[in-house]
Amino acid sequence: MDGQNILTTLIVGLVIGLLGRLVVPGRQPIGCLFTVAVGLVGSVGGLAVARAAGIDSGLLVLGCQVGIAAVCVAVIAAASRRPRNRLR
């Protein structure tokens, strides 16, 4: 994978992550790096789901990617909002 492909993948991951954050209501306590990571997971996961379902349309694939990213954002947001028991 050359530098252009890596840069393109990161940009697409960022956009998918941001779209995933927009879909989930409320504020999410995740930063930029998590947004890119969630976007990359959403991109790969959504593409895998779309291919498994036999979807070839670009917009439907994008919808799958954003949906997977939104689920990832919701899970991460829920996990980071849990009260943590701390020993004092």
C-alpha atoms as a PDB file:
ATOM      1  CA  MET A   1       0.000   0.000   0.000  1.00  0.00           C
ATOM      2  CA  ASP A   2       1.544   3.276  -1.036  1.00  0.00           C
ATOM      3  CA  GLY A   3       1.313   6.644   0.703  1.00  0.00           C
ATOM      4  CA  GLN A   4      -1.596   7.875  -1.388  1.00  0.00           C
ATOM      5  CA  ASN A   5      -3.721   4.832  -0.495  1.00  0.00           C
ATOM      6  CA  ILE A   6      -2.944   5.226   3.194  1.00  0.00           C
ATOM      7  CA  LEU A   7      -3.850   8.917   3.101  1.00  0.00           C
ATOM      8  CA  THR A   8      -7.062   8.187   1.198  1.00  0.00           C
ATOM      9  CA  THR A   9      -7.999   5.463   3.694  1.00  0.00           C
ATOM     10  CA  LEU A  10      -7.424   7.809   6.636  1.00  0.00           C
ATOM     11  CA  ILE A  11      -9.486  10.588   5.049  1.00  0.00           C
ATOM     12  CA  VAL A  12     -12.340   8.204   4.245  1.00  0.00           C
ATOM     13  CA  GLY A  13     -12.129   6.814   7.797  1.00  0.00           C
ATOM     14  CA  LEU A  14     -12.316  10.309   9.249  1.00  0.00           C
ATOM     15  CA  VAL A  15     -15.346  11.204   7.131  1.00  0.00           C
ATOM     16  CA  ILE A  16     -17.120   7.925   7.939  1.00  0.00           C
ATOM     17  CA  GLY A  17     -16.308   8.409  11.651  1.00  0.00           C
ATOM     18  CA  LEU A  18     -17.678  11.951  11.625  1.00  0.00           C
ATOM     19  CA  LEU A  19     -20.836  10.794   9.857  1.00  0.00           C
ATOM     20  CA  GLY A  20     -21.181   8.012  12.419  1.00  0.00           C
ATOM     21  CA  ARG A  21     -20.888  10.552  15.232  1.00  0.00           C
ATOM     22  CA  LEU A  22     -23.554  12.723  13.611  1.00  0.00           C
ATOM     23  CA  VAL A  23     -25.985   9.809  13.464  1.00  0.00           C
ATOM     24  CA  VAL A  24     -25.706   9.034  17.194  1.00  0.00           C
ATOM     25  CA  PRO A  25     -27.717  11.509  19.301  1.00  0.00           C
ATOM     26  CA  GLY A  26     -26.077  13.366  22.170  1.00  0.00           C
ATOM     27  CA  ARG A  27     -22.476  14.157  22.870  1.00  0.00           C
ATOM     28  CA  GLN A  28     -19.824  11.486  22.475  1.00  0.00           C
ATOM     29  CA  PRO A  29     -16.750  11.622  24.695  1.00  0.00           C
ATOM     30  CA  ILE A  30     -14.290  10.420  22.050  1.00  0.00           C
ATOM     31  CA  GLY A  31     -11.468  12.343  20.459  1.00  0.00           C
ATOM     32  CA  CYS A  32     -10.121  12.701  16.941  1.00  0.00           C
ATOM     33  CA  LEU A  33      -8.051   9.531  16.929  1.00  0.00           C
ATOM     34  CA  PHE A  34     -10.998   7.459  18.121  1.00  0.00           C
ATOM     35  CA  THR A  35     -13.144   9.101  15.452  1.00  0.00           C
ATOM     36  CA  VAL A  36     -10.683   8.006  12.765  1.00  0.00           C
ATOM     37  CA  ALA A  37     -10.421   4.516  14.295  1.00  0.00           C
ATOM     38  CA  VAL A  38     -14.206   4.180  14.455  1.00  0.00           C
ATOM     39  CA  GLY A  39     -14.428   5.420  10.876  1.00  0.00           C
ATOM     40  CA  LEU A  40     -11.879   2.878   9.692  1.00  0.00           C
ATOM     41  CA  VAL A  41     -13.692   0.074  11.514  1.00  0.00           C
ATOM     42  CA  GLY A  42     -16.987   1.319  10.078  1.00  0.00           C
ATOM     43  CA  SER A  43     -15.534   1.471   6.578  1.00  0.00           C
ATOM     44  CA  VAL A  44     -14.126  -2.035   6.671  1.00  0.00           C
ATOM     45  CA  GLY A  45     -17.095  -3.517   8.539  1.00  0.00           C
ATOM     46  CA  GLY A  46     -19.673  -1.808   6.358  1.00  0.00           C
ATOM     47  CA  LEU A  47     -17.900  -2.895   3.202  1.00  0.00           C
ATOM     48  CA  ALA A  48     -17.784  -6.489   4.457  1.00  0.00           C
ATOM     49  CA  VAL A  49     -21.499  -6.435   5.343  1.00  0.00           C
ATOM     50  CA  ALA A  50     -22.395  -4.866   1.995  1.00  0.00           C
ATOM     51  CA  ARG A  51     -20.352  -7.421   0.048  1.00  0.00           C
ATOM     52  CA  ALA A  52     -21.848 -10.297   2.057  1.00  0.00           C
ATOM     53  CA  ALA A  53     -25.339  -8.961   1.277  1.00  0.00           C
ATOM     54  CA  GLY A  54     -24.478  -8.576  -2.418  1.00  0.00           C
ATOM     55  CA  ILE A  55     -24.842  -4.775  -2.388  1.00  0.00           C
ATOM     56  CA  ASP A  56     -22.986  -3.035  -5.215  1.00  0.00           C
ATOM     57  CA  SER A  57     -24.481   0.473  -5.105  1.00  0.00           C
ATOM     58  CA  GLY A  58     -22.077   3.121  -3.801  1.00  0.00           C
ATOM     59  CA  LEU A  59     -24.682   4.907  -1.691  1.00  0.00           C
ATOM     60  CA  LEU A  60     -25.922   1.707  -0.075  1.00  0.00           C
ATOM     61  CA  VAL A  61     -22.357   0.691   0.744  1.00  0.00           C
ATOM     62  CA  LEU A  62     -21.788   4.147   2.265  1.00  0.00           C
ATOM     63  CA  GLY A  63     -24.967   3.702   4.300  1.00  0.00           C
ATOM     64  CA  CYS A  64     -23.690   0.372   5.624  1.00  0.00           C
ATOM     65  CA  GLN A  65     -20.342   1.938   6.504  1.00  0.00           C
ATOM     66  CA  VAL A  66     -21.933   4.872   8.334  1.00  0.00           C
ATOM     67  CA  GLY A  67     -24.317   2.508  10.134  1.00  0.00           C
ATOM     68  CA  ILE A  68     -21.487   0.310  11.396  1.00  0.00           C
ATOM     69  CA  ALA A  69     -19.531   3.417  12.446  1.00  0.00           C
ATOM     70  CA  ALA A  70     -22.605   4.761  14.294  1.00  0.00           C
ATOM     71  CA  VAL A  71     -22.972   1.482  16.187  1.00  0.00           C
ATOM     72  CA  CYS A  72     -19.277   1.629  17.123  1.00  0.00           C
ATOM     73  CA  VAL A  73     -19.634   5.248  18.320  1.00  0.00           C
ATOM     74  CA  ALA A  74     -22.695   4.350  20.406  1.00  0.00           C
ATOM     75  CA  VAL A  75     -20.900   1.397  22.015  1.00  0.00           C
ATOM     76  CA  ILE A  76     -17.788   3.452  22.799  1.00  0.00           C
ATOM     77  CA  ALA A  77     -19.877   6.339  24.171  1.00  0.00           C
ATOM     78  CA  ALA A  78     -21.890   3.980  26.385  1.00  0.00           C
ATOM     79  CA  ALA A  79     -18.755   2.262  27.652  1.00  0.00           C
ATOM     80  CA  SER A  80     -17.052   5.528  28.562  1.00  0.00           C
ATOM     81  CA  ARG A  81     -20.115   6.902  30.390  1.00  0.00           C
ATOM     82  CA  ARG A  82     -20.359   3.986  32.795  1.00  0.00           C
ATOM     83  CA  PRO A  83     -19.650   4.864  36.383  1.00  0.00           C
ATOM     84  CA  ARG A  84     -16.403   3.302  37.415  1.00  0.00           C
ATOM     85  CA  ASN A  85     -15.865   1.950  40.878  1.00  0.00           C
ATOM     86  CA  ARG A  86     -12.646   3.286  42.249  1.00  0.00           C
ATOM     87  CA  LEU A  87     -11.028   2.113  45.417  1.00  0.00           C
ATOM     88  CA  ARG A  88     -10.071   4.948  47.690  1.00  0.00           C
END
